[in-house]
């Protein structure tokens, strides 16, 4: 009996113009892999500015934006200019905006800095920050109709969600258009209500990731986590009290299907306060229907020395925007860094930096939750550095972190970039990548053993003429807050 010939892939026999059309639909990572197929493919891709632009976007963790009017050469020039300016901290403009000194809440997402106040009336202001192409503008709504306790927003969806109580035993999440403050047209139920079971709202964390809005808060009785699909109005998750790990101190949505809880292990106590190691608990959930979250993994943090204790953990990363931001390119939600800030007794602070992609790799676990000791994940997949007390959030965007003000250099801005790639064409390795491991000695720190970590990063610094109390960062800007907390100084790249 004759054996049928094995089918072979004939894509290599296609004309180059058809292959090129196919390559243009691929992401940069896949295009790079295509270069290893054969010499002809490699040379063709290497000589195409359009394909090289896709590769360079991928290398920087970016996705295409609204740049259809630009030629491939112009796009590449814009990208290289962006690289150079962020590498040298060489901004194109400096703009000052007045702000309220004591807002009830604030937010910085997608080029919009917003504040909400409740006295003497419930007003809402939004500063649409300047770009290299346009100036900034300010909008103010003098009365939004509710006394909001907190809010979150996604300008890429024209979305702002206000949290308020009315009546006292009911919590509400109002889904509105950021531009008009009217009910959001994509929200089938513009007001999402949930039973408070208490009359207290404390330590509130509201976040948005795609179609999901999450709220972690503490009442007189216990901790509570509520997740909704704000588009459909579906209540997805509602957890309280014993359903949480002990001593949860923070919550972060890392995607529309996953979140983490930062907690202090309750294995020991010291004068009635939790001691032991910190833990990062990773959960997955369904974003379309009510469900019980799946606890997939717990990452343990370094052990403190006996007699010392971990007081609080803050887990913070840049905002999740559903769609690309205005401009030729936008940071991919898949390329983000998580900053885990640790506050120990005696005012000792440290920060751990870990990529979202490392946290998300555990989401494929469909068995019992994994417990990963620090020594098995931390040294190679994170970087721990001495930290400082943090006043405001939004000091992270994508894979960049703007550091708190250093008292030794009060006019210096310092940026840590964890989106490191091999040296790109036309650029030298300046400032150099930090690849060697650093050690936080047990002798000089709170830890039981030396803590060694090696996640690569770059450090960029520049001295300024202005005094700032803190810094914020987004895709196109570093923002300094003046010492009186009454002005933003916006440095646009």
Protein backbone atom coordinates (compact mmCIF):
# COMPACT_ATOMS: atom_id res chain seq x y z
CA UNK A 1 0.00 0.00 0.00
CA UNK A 2 1.34 3.39 -0.95
CA UNK A 3 2.07 5.84 1.86
CA UNK A 4 0.48 9.25 1.41
CA UNK A 5 3.02 12.07 1.33
CA UNK A 6 3.26 14.18 4.46
CA UNK A 7 1.67 17.61 3.88
CA UNK A 8 4.22 20.39 3.92
CA UNK A 9 3.80 24.07 4.69
CA UNK A 10 4.03 26.08 1.50
CA UNK A 11 4.06 29.53 3.08
CA UNK A 12 7.72 29.88 2.16
CA UNK A 13 6.77 29.61 -1.51
CA UNK A 14 4.48 32.64 -1.36
CA UNK A 15 5.60 35.78 -3.19
CA UNK A 16 7.39 38.29 -0.98
CA UNK A 17 4.70 40.93 -1.43
CA UNK A 18 2.09 38.54 0.00
CA UNK A 19 4.44 37.52 2.82
CA UNK A 20 5.06 41.18 3.58
CA UNK A 21 1.31 41.83 3.84
CA UNK A 22 1.05 38.93 6.30
CA UNK A 23 4.01 40.14 8.37
CA UNK A 24 2.43 43.59 8.72
CA UNK A 25 -0.39 41.99 10.75
CA UNK A 26 2.01 40.32 13.18
CA UNK A 27 3.34 41.65 16.46
CA UNK A 28 7.01 42.48 16.88
CA UNK A 29 7.82 39.32 18.83
CA UNK A 30 6.45 37.08 16.07
CA UNK A 31 8.22 39.11 13.38
CA UNK A 32 11.49 38.59 15.26
CA UNK A 33 10.90 34.85 15.25
CA UNK A 34 10.25 34.95 11.50
CA UNK A 35 13.80 36.26 11.03
CA UNK A 36 15.14 32.85 12.04
CA UNK A 37 13.26 30.99 9.28
CA UNK A 38 15.71 31.75 6.49
CA UNK A 39 18.17 34.34 5.24
CA UNK A 40 15.71 35.81 2.71
CA UNK A 41 13.08 36.44 5.37
CA UNK A 42 15.66 37.93 7.74
CA UNK A 43 17.03 40.33 5.11
CA UNK A 44 13.57 41.34 3.90
CA UNK A 45 12.39 42.13 7.43
CA UNK A 46 15.64 43.94 8.29
CA UNK A 47 15.27 46.29 5.31
CA UNK A 48 11.61 47.19 6.01
CA UNK A 49 11.18 50.26 8.21
CA UNK A 50 7.54 49.35 8.80
CA UNK A 51 8.38 45.88 10.11
CA UNK A 52 11.34 47.15 12.12
CA UNK A 53 9.02 49.71 13.72
CA UNK A 54 6.75 46.87 14.90
CA UNK A 55 9.79 45.08 16.33
CA UNK A 56 11.00 48.21 18.14
CA UNK A 57 7.52 48.88 19.58
CA UNK A 58 7.49 45.36 20.98
CA UNK A 59 11.00 45.83 22.41
CA UNK A 60 9.77 48.88 24.34
CA UNK A 61 6.57 47.19 25.53
CA UNK A 62 4.41 49.51 23.41
CA UNK A 63 1.41 48.99 21.13
CA UNK A 64 0.47 51.12 18.09
CA UNK A 65 -1.67 54.19 18.64
CA UNK A 66 -3.34 56.69 16.32
CA UNK A 67 -0.39 57.24 13.98
CA UNK A 68 -1.89 56.22 10.64
CA UNK A 69 -1.14 59.65 9.18
CA UNK A 70 2.59 59.19 9.77
CA UNK A 71 4.93 57.34 7.44
CA UNK A 72 6.95 54.39 8.81
CA UNK A 73 10.06 56.60 8.85
CA UNK A 74 8.23 59.31 10.83
CA UNK A 75 6.91 56.72 13.28
CA UNK A 76 10.41 55.39 13.88
CA UNK A 77 11.74 58.91 14.37
CA UNK A 78 9.03 59.59 16.98
CA UNK A 79 9.86 56.36 18.79
CA UNK A 80 13.60 57.05 18.85
CA UNK A 81 12.96 60.61 20.04
CA UNK A 82 10.83 59.25 22.86
CA UNK A 83 13.56 56.80 23.85
CA UNK A 84 16.23 59.47 23.89
CA UNK A 85 14.19 61.94 25.93
CA UNK A 86 13.20 59.43 28.61
CA UNK A 87 16.75 58.06 28.77
CA UNK A 88 18.18 61.56 29.33
CA UNK A 89 15.12 62.93 31.21
CA UNK A 90 15.07 65.65 28.56
CA UNK A 91 11.49 66.95 28.56
CA UNK A 92 10.15 69.28 25.90
CA UNK A 93 8.09 71.58 28.14
CA UNK A 94 7.35 72.57 31.72
CA UNK A 95 3.79 73.61 32.63
CA UNK A 96 2.31 74.65 35.99
CA UNK A 97 -1.28 73.91 37.07
CA UNK A 98 -2.91 74.95 40.37
CA UNK A 99 -4.60 72.14 42.32
CA UNK A 100 -6.69 71.81 45.47
CA UNK A 101 -4.48 71.35 48.52
CA UNK A 102 -6.81 68.93 50.34
CA UNK A 103 -8.88 66.92 47.88
CA UNK A 104 -11.12 64.11 49.05
CA UNK A 105 -9.61 61.95 46.31
CA UNK A 106 -7.35 62.27 43.28
CA UNK A 107 -6.39 60.14 40.27
CA UNK A 108 -3.90 60.19 37.39
CA UNK A 109 -4.75 57.98 34.42
CA UNK A 110 -4.31 58.30 30.67
CA UNK A 111 -3.07 61.89 30.63
CA UNK A 112 -5.81 63.17 32.98
CA UNK A 113 -5.21 64.35 36.55
CA UNK A 114 -8.52 64.60 38.41
CA UNK A 115 -9.54 65.75 41.89
CA UNK A 116 -12.80 65.42 43.77
CA UNK A 117 -13.81 67.56 46.74
CA UNK A 118 -16.78 67.39 49.12
CA UNK A 119 -16.55 70.80 50.81
CA UNK A 120 -18.07 73.33 50.48
CA UNK A 121 -19.71 71.35 47.67
CA UNK A 122 -19.09 68.12 45.79
CA UNK A 123 -17.07 69.34 42.81
CA UNK A 124 -14.92 67.44 40.32
CA UNK A 125 -12.03 68.89 38.32
CA UNK A 126 -10.02 67.28 35.54
CA UNK A 127 -6.73 68.56 34.12
CA UNK A 128 -6.18 67.17 30.62
CA UNK A 129 -2.40 67.35 30.69
CA UNK A 130 -0.36 68.83 27.83
CA UNK A 131 1.31 66.71 25.16
CA UNK A 132 4.07 67.55 22.71
CA UNK A 133 1.33 68.43 20.20
CA UNK A 134 -1.36 70.11 22.34
CA UNK A 135 -1.63 72.34 25.40
CA UNK A 136 -3.42 71.36 28.58
CA UNK A 137 -6.98 72.26 29.54
CA UNK A 138 -9.00 72.16 32.75
CA UNK A 139 -12.65 71.22 33.21
CA UNK A 140 -14.59 71.76 36.45
CA UNK A 141 -18.01 70.43 37.46
CA UNK A 142 -19.14 72.42 40.50
CA UNK A 143 -21.62 69.84 41.79
CA UNK A 144 -21.64 66.20 40.72
CA UNK A 145 -24.75 65.43 42.78
CA UNK A 146 -23.23 62.90 45.19
CA UNK A 147 -20.80 63.11 48.10
CA UNK A 148 -18.23 60.75 46.68
CA UNK A 149 -15.85 58.92 49.00
CA UNK A 150 -13.48 57.87 46.22
CA UNK A 151 -13.37 57.45 42.46
CA UNK A 152 -11.52 55.63 39.69
CA UNK A 153 -11.35 56.35 35.98
CA UNK A 154 -10.29 55.12 32.55
CA UNK A 155 -10.10 58.01 30.06
CA UNK A 156 -9.65 55.54 27.20
CA UNK A 157 -13.30 54.53 27.87
CA UNK A 158 -14.40 58.08 28.81
CA UNK A 159 -15.22 56.51 32.19
CA UNK A 160 -15.25 57.70 35.78
CA UNK A 161 -16.81 55.70 38.63
CA UNK A 162 -17.75 57.46 41.89
CA UNK A 163 -18.19 55.60 45.18
CA UNK A 164 -20.77 56.99 47.60
CA UNK A 165 -23.28 55.98 50.28
CA UNK A 166 -27.01 56.61 49.86
CA UNK A 167 -28.79 55.80 52.01
CA UNK A 168 -26.27 55.02 54.74
CA UNK A 169 -26.64 51.25 54.54
CA UNK A 170 -26.19 51.08 50.75
CA UNK A 171 -22.92 51.49 48.86
CA UNK A 172 -23.11 52.77 45.30
CA UNK A 173 -20.73 52.86 42.35
CA UNK A 174 -21.91 55.50 39.86
CA UNK A 175 -20.63 54.82 36.32
CA UNK A 176 -20.43 58.10 34.41
CA UNK A 177 -18.93 59.64 31.32
CA UNK A 178 -15.72 61.48 32.21
CA UNK A 179 -16.44 64.18 29.64
CA UNK A 180 -20.07 64.91 30.59
CA UNK A 181 -20.48 63.27 34.05
CA UNK A 182 -23.75 61.80 32.79
CA UNK A 183 -24.52 58.06 33.08
CA UNK A 184 -22.05 56.14 30.95
CA UNK A 185 -23.68 54.92 27.71
CA UNK A 186 -21.98 51.50 27.94
CA UNK A 187 -23.23 50.84 31.49
CA UNK A 188 -26.50 48.90 31.35
CA UNK A 189 -26.93 49.65 35.08
CA UNK A 190 -25.27 53.06 35.68
CA UNK A 191 -25.58 52.77 39.48
CA UNK A 192 -24.20 49.57 41.00
CA UNK A 193 -25.54 49.06 44.53
CA UNK A 194 -24.40 46.73 47.30
CA UNK A 195 -25.39 46.19 50.93
CA UNK A 196 -22.82 47.67 53.30
CA UNK A 197 -23.78 45.51 56.31
CA UNK A 198 -22.30 48.34 58.37
CA UNK A 199 -22.29 52.13 58.53
CA UNK A 200 -18.54 52.57 58.27
CA UNK A 201 -16.30 52.99 55.21
CA UNK A 202 -12.57 52.98 55.93
CA UNK A 203 -9.36 52.37 53.96
CA UNK A 204 -11.04 52.38 50.56
CA UNK A 205 -9.37 51.08 47.38
CA UNK A 206 -11.33 51.49 44.10
CA UNK A 207 -9.78 50.26 40.82
CA UNK A 208 -10.81 49.65 37.21
CA UNK A 209 -9.43 47.04 34.79
CA UNK A 210 -11.30 46.79 31.51
CA UNK A 211 -14.96 45.94 32.20
CA UNK A 212 -14.30 45.24 35.90
CA UNK A 213 -14.44 47.66 38.83
CA UNK A 214 -13.13 46.46 42.18
CA UNK A 215 -13.56 47.84 45.67
CA UNK A 216 -11.73 46.76 48.83
CA UNK A 217 -12.76 48.48 52.05
CA UNK A 218 -12.83 47.96 55.78
CA UNK A 219 -15.93 48.35 57.93
CA UNK A 220 -16.30 48.22 61.69
CA UNK A 221 -16.81 44.48 61.42
CA UNK A 222 -14.35 43.24 58.83
CA UNK A 223 -12.71 43.59 55.44
CA UNK A 224 -14.82 43.39 52.28
CA UNK A 225 -14.04 42.90 48.57
CA UNK A 226 -16.66 43.66 45.91
CA UNK A 227 -16.13 43.20 42.15
CA UNK A 228 -18.61 44.20 39.43
CA UNK A 229 -18.72 44.04 35.66
CA UNK A 230 -19.66 47.68 35.22
CA UNK A 231 -20.85 47.21 31.62
CA UNK A 232 -23.42 44.51 32.38
CA UNK A 233 -24.05 45.42 36.02
CA UNK A 234 -23.23 41.86 37.12
CA UNK A 235 -21.93 41.38 40.67
CA UNK A 236 -18.91 39.10 40.23
CA UNK A 237 -17.35 38.71 43.67
CA UNK A 238 -18.43 39.60 47.22
CA UNK A 239 -16.09 38.42 49.98
CA UNK A 240 -15.84 39.36 53.65
CA UNK A 241 -14.23 38.42 56.95
CA UNK A 242 -13.10 34.78 57.20
CA UNK A 243 -12.91 34.47 53.41
CA UNK A 244 -9.73 36.58 53.47
CA UNK A 245 -6.18 35.78 54.52
CA UNK A 246 -5.32 37.33 57.89
CA UNK A 247 -4.25 40.99 57.98
CA UNK A 248 -4.85 41.95 54.34
CA UNK A 249 -3.56 45.47 53.86
CA UNK A 250 -3.91 46.08 50.10
CA UNK A 251 -5.59 44.93 46.90
CA UNK A 252 -4.67 45.33 43.24
CA UNK A 253 -6.47 44.34 40.05
CA UNK A 254 -3.73 43.03 37.76
CA UNK A 255 -6.12 42.27 34.87
CA UNK A 256 -9.88 42.01 34.23
CA UNK A 257 -9.62 38.36 35.36
CA UNK A 258 -7.15 38.49 38.26
CA UNK A 259 -6.22 40.36 41.42
CA UNK A 260 -3.75 40.13 44.28
CA UNK A 261 -4.13 40.63 48.01
CA UNK A 262 -1.12 41.79 50.02
CA UNK A 263 -1.19 40.42 53.56
CA UNK A 264 0.85 39.95 56.71
CA UNK A 265 1.21 36.31 57.78
CA UNK A 266 -0.40 35.68 61.17
CA UNK A 267 1.91 32.90 62.35
CA UNK A 268 3.11 34.98 65.32
CA UNK A 269 2.11 38.10 67.20
CA UNK A 270 4.09 40.88 68.83
CA UNK A 271 2.24 42.99 71.38
CA UNK A 272 -1.03 42.16 69.68
CA UNK A 273 0.17 43.05 66.19
CA UNK A 274 0.75 40.60 63.35
CA UNK A 275 4.32 39.53 62.84
CA UNK A 276 5.86 36.98 60.48
CA UNK A 277 6.41 37.22 56.75
CA UNK A 278 4.45 39.20 54.20
CA UNK A 279 2.56 37.33 51.49
CA UNK A 280 1.18 38.13 48.04
CA UNK A 281 -1.94 36.07 47.31
CA UNK A 282 -2.88 35.71 43.62
CA UNK A 283 -6.49 35.04 42.56
CA UNK A 284 -8.32 34.52 39.28
CA UNK A 285 -12.04 35.09 38.65
CA UNK A 286 -14.61 35.19 35.85
CA UNK A 287 -15.27 38.68 34.48
CA UNK A 288 -18.74 37.89 33.07
CA UNK A 289 -20.60 35.96 35.80
CA UNK A 290 -20.76 35.71 39.58
CA UNK A 291 -18.23 33.26 40.93
CA UNK A 292 -15.94 32.41 43.83
CA UNK A 293 -12.34 33.49 43.13
CA UNK A 294 -9.75 30.81 42.54
CA UNK A 295 -6.73 31.17 44.83
CA UNK A 296 -3.89 30.08 42.53
CA UNK A 297 -0.71 30.98 44.44
CA UNK A 298 0.89 32.66 47.43
CA UNK A 299 4.30 34.31 47.10
CA UNK A 300 6.11 34.62 50.41
CA UNK A 301 8.29 37.63 51.18
CA UNK A 302 11.59 37.63 53.13
CA UNK A 303 11.47 36.61 56.79
CA UNK A 304 12.06 39.44 59.27
CA UNK A 305 14.43 39.00 62.17
CA UNK A 306 12.91 37.70 65.43
CA UNK A 307 11.63 40.65 67.43
CA UNK A 308 10.90 42.72 64.30
CA UNK A 309 7.56 42.88 62.49
CA UNK A 310 6.01 43.89 59.20
CA UNK A 311 3.46 46.63 59.78
CA UNK A 312 1.93 47.10 56.33
CA UNK A 313 2.26 46.21 52.64
CA UNK A 314 1.22 48.42 49.72
CA UNK A 315 1.00 46.81 46.28
CA UNK A 316 0.87 49.38 43.49
CA UNK A 317 1.22 49.37 39.72
CA UNK A 318 0.31 51.67 36.87
CA UNK A 319 -3.31 52.03 35.70
CA UNK A 320 -4.98 49.59 33.31
CA UNK A 321 -6.37 51.39 30.24
CA UNK A 322 -8.76 49.38 28.07
CA UNK A 323 -7.73 51.08 24.81
CA UNK A 324 -4.56 52.75 23.50
CA UNK A 325 -4.06 56.33 24.67
CA UNK A 326 -3.97 59.26 22.24
CA UNK A 327 -0.63 59.45 20.45
CA UNK A 328 1.46 57.34 18.08
CA UNK A 329 1.98 54.56 20.65
CA UNK A 330 0.75 53.42 24.04
CA UNK A 331 2.12 51.21 26.81
CA UNK A 332 0.84 47.65 26.69
CA UNK A 333 -1.09 46.46 29.74
CA UNK A 334 1.00 43.28 29.57
CA UNK A 335 4.18 45.27 30.30
CA UNK A 336 3.75 46.62 33.80
CA UNK A 337 5.77 46.50 36.99
CA UNK A 338 4.32 45.92 40.47
CA UNK A 339 5.86 47.82 43.38
CA UNK A 340 5.43 46.05 46.71
CA UNK A 341 6.23 48.57 49.45
CA UNK A 342 7.04 47.11 52.86
CA UNK A 343 6.77 49.18 56.07
CA UNK A 344 8.44 47.59 59.09
CA UNK A 345 8.64 48.71 62.69
CA UNK A 346 11.16 51.44 63.57
CA UNK A 347 10.22 53.26 60.32
CA UNK A 348 12.21 50.90 58.10
CA UNK A 349 11.02 50.77 54.47
CA UNK A 350 11.81 48.58 51.46
CA UNK A 351 10.37 48.20 47.97
CA UNK A 352 10.18 45.02 45.90
CA UNK A 353 9.76 45.34 42.11
CA UNK A 354 8.30 42.43 40.14
CA UNK A 355 6.85 42.21 36.62
CA UNK A 356 3.13 41.57 36.18
CA UNK A 357 3.95 38.80 33.73
CA UNK A 358 5.63 36.87 36.54
CA UNK A 359 2.55 37.19 38.78
CA UNK A 360 0.22 36.23 35.92
CA UNK A 361 2.12 33.07 35.03
CA UNK A 362 0.52 31.39 38.06
CA UNK A 363 -2.99 31.96 36.67
CA UNK A 364 -2.68 28.74 34.66
CA UNK A 365 -2.62 26.72 37.89
CA UNK A 366 -5.90 24.78 38.09
CA UNK A 367 -4.94 22.73 41.16
CA UNK A 368 -4.61 23.63 44.85
CA UNK A 369 -2.96 27.00 45.54
CA UNK A 370 0.81 26.96 45.33
CA UNK A 371 2.95 28.37 48.14
CA UNK A 372 6.24 29.72 46.82
CA UNK A 373 8.95 30.53 49.40
CA UNK A 374 10.90 33.72 48.83
CA UNK A 375 14.14 31.92 47.99
CA UNK A 376 12.40 30.10 45.13
CA UNK A 377 11.04 33.18 43.35
CA UNK A 378 12.39 36.45 44.74
CA UNK A 379 16.15 36.47 43.98
CA UNK A 380 15.83 36.01 40.20
CA UNK A 381 12.40 37.55 39.53
CA UNK A 382 12.44 40.71 41.63
CA UNK A 383 14.59 43.59 42.83
CA UNK A 384 14.49 44.80 46.43
CA UNK A 385 15.80 48.29 47.21
CA UNK A 386 15.65 50.51 50.29
CA UNK A 387 12.42 52.51 50.26
CA UNK A 388 11.00 55.71 51.68
CA UNK A 389 7.63 56.74 53.07
CA UNK A 390 5.05 57.29 50.31
CA UNK A 391 2.47 60.07 50.37
CA UNK A 392 0.57 59.61 47.10
CA UNK A 393 0.15 56.78 44.63
CA UNK A 394 0.51 56.90 40.81
CA UNK A 395 4.31 56.86 41.01
CA UNK A 396 4.29 53.89 38.58
CA UNK A 397 3.42 53.71 34.88
CA UNK A 398 4.09 50.68 32.74
CA UNK A 399 7.56 49.49 33.73
CA UNK A 400 8.79 52.87 35.04
CA UNK A 401 8.82 54.02 38.66
CA UNK A 402 9.50 57.58 39.76
CA UNK A 403 11.12 57.52 43.20
CA UNK A 404 10.12 59.50 46.30
CA UNK A 405 12.14 62.63 46.99
CA UNK A 406 15.55 61.80 48.47
CA UNK A 407 16.27 64.12 51.44
CA UNK A 408 19.96 63.99 50.52
CA UNK A 409 19.15 65.36 47.03
CA UNK A 410 15.86 67.26 47.46
CA UNK A 411 15.88 68.72 43.93
CA UNK A 412 16.71 65.50 42.11
CA UNK A 413 14.19 63.41 40.18
CA UNK A 414 15.05 59.71 39.92
CA UNK A 415 13.43 57.21 37.56
CA UNK A 416 13.81 53.42 37.61
CA UNK A 417 13.04 51.69 34.31
CA UNK A 418 12.42 47.92 34.48
CA UNK A 419 11.50 47.66 30.80
CA UNK A 420 15.06 46.82 29.87
CA UNK A 421 15.95 45.36 26.48
CA UNK A 422 19.23 44.77 24.67
CA UNK A 423 20.80 47.93 23.25
CA UNK A 424 18.66 49.12 20.35
CA UNK A 425 20.03 50.16 16.93
CA UNK A 426 21.44 53.69 17.06
CA UNK A 427 21.57 53.87 20.88
CA UNK A 428 24.42 53.29 23.27
CA UNK A 429 23.88 51.61 26.62
CA UNK A 430 23.60 54.84 28.59
CA UNK A 431 22.69 54.95 31.39
CA UNK A 432 23.95 51.38 31.76
CA UNK A 433 21.62 48.59 32.75
CA UNK A 434 21.99 47.38 36.34
CA UNK A 435 22.28 43.62 35.99
CA UNK A 436 24.40 42.60 38.96
CA UNK A 437 22.60 41.42 42.09
CA UNK A 438 22.36 43.68 45.12
CA UNK A 439 22.41 42.53 48.73
CA UNK A 440 20.48 43.93 51.67
CA UNK A 441 22.52 42.70 54.61
CA UNK A 442 20.84 41.05 57.59
CA UNK A 443 23.31 42.88 59.84
CA UNK A 444 22.09 46.30 58.74
CA UNK A 445 18.41 45.55 58.13
CA UNK A 446 15.22 44.04 59.51
CA UNK A 447 15.69 40.70 57.75
CA UNK A 448 16.61 37.33 59.20
CA UNK A 449 19.02 36.58 56.34
CA UNK A 450 20.73 38.54 53.58
CA UNK A 451 18.25 39.45 50.82
CA UNK A 452 19.78 39.13 47.34
CA UNK A 453 17.82 40.18 44.22
CA UNK A 454 18.81 40.63 40.58
CA UNK A 455 15.94 41.89 38.37
CA UNK A 456 17.61 44.18 35.76
CA UNK A 457 16.75 47.89 35.57
CA UNK A 458 18.07 51.28 34.50
CA UNK A 459 18.34 54.32 36.74
CA UNK A 460 17.97 57.83 35.29
CA UNK A 461 18.47 61.05 37.29
CA UNK A 462 18.26 64.78 36.72
CA UNK A 463 18.61 67.76 39.05
CA UNK A 464 15.83 70.38 38.91
CA UNK A 465 15.42 74.04 39.77
CA UNK A 466 12.18 73.49 41.69
CA UNK A 467 11.39 71.95 45.07
CA UNK A 468 8.90 69.08 45.09
CA UNK A 469 7.40 67.03 47.88
CA UNK A 470 6.65 64.06 45.62
CA UNK A 471 6.53 62.91 42.00
CA UNK A 472 3.97 61.17 39.80
CA UNK A 473 4.50 59.62 36.37
CA UNK A 474 2.43 58.63 33.35
CA UNK A 475 3.12 57.66 29.75
CA UNK A 476 4.31 61.07 28.55
CA UNK A 477 5.15 63.00 31.71
CA UNK A 478 6.81 63.30 35.07
CA UNK A 479 4.72 65.42 37.43
CA UNK A 480 6.12 67.20 40.45
CA UNK A 481 3.89 68.29 43.33
CA UNK A 482 5.12 71.45 45.05
CA UNK A 483 5.85 71.56 48.77
CA UNK A 484 2.63 73.46 49.53
CA UNK A 485 0.70 70.77 47.59
CA UNK A 486 -1.06 73.53 45.65
CA UNK A 487 0.57 73.16 42.23
CA UNK A 488 1.51 70.52 39.71
CA UNK A 489 4.64 71.10 37.65
CA UNK A 490 4.24 68.96 34.53
CA UNK A 491 7.36 67.92 32.62
CA UNK A 492 6.20 66.69 29.20
CA UNK A 493 8.40 64.44 27.02
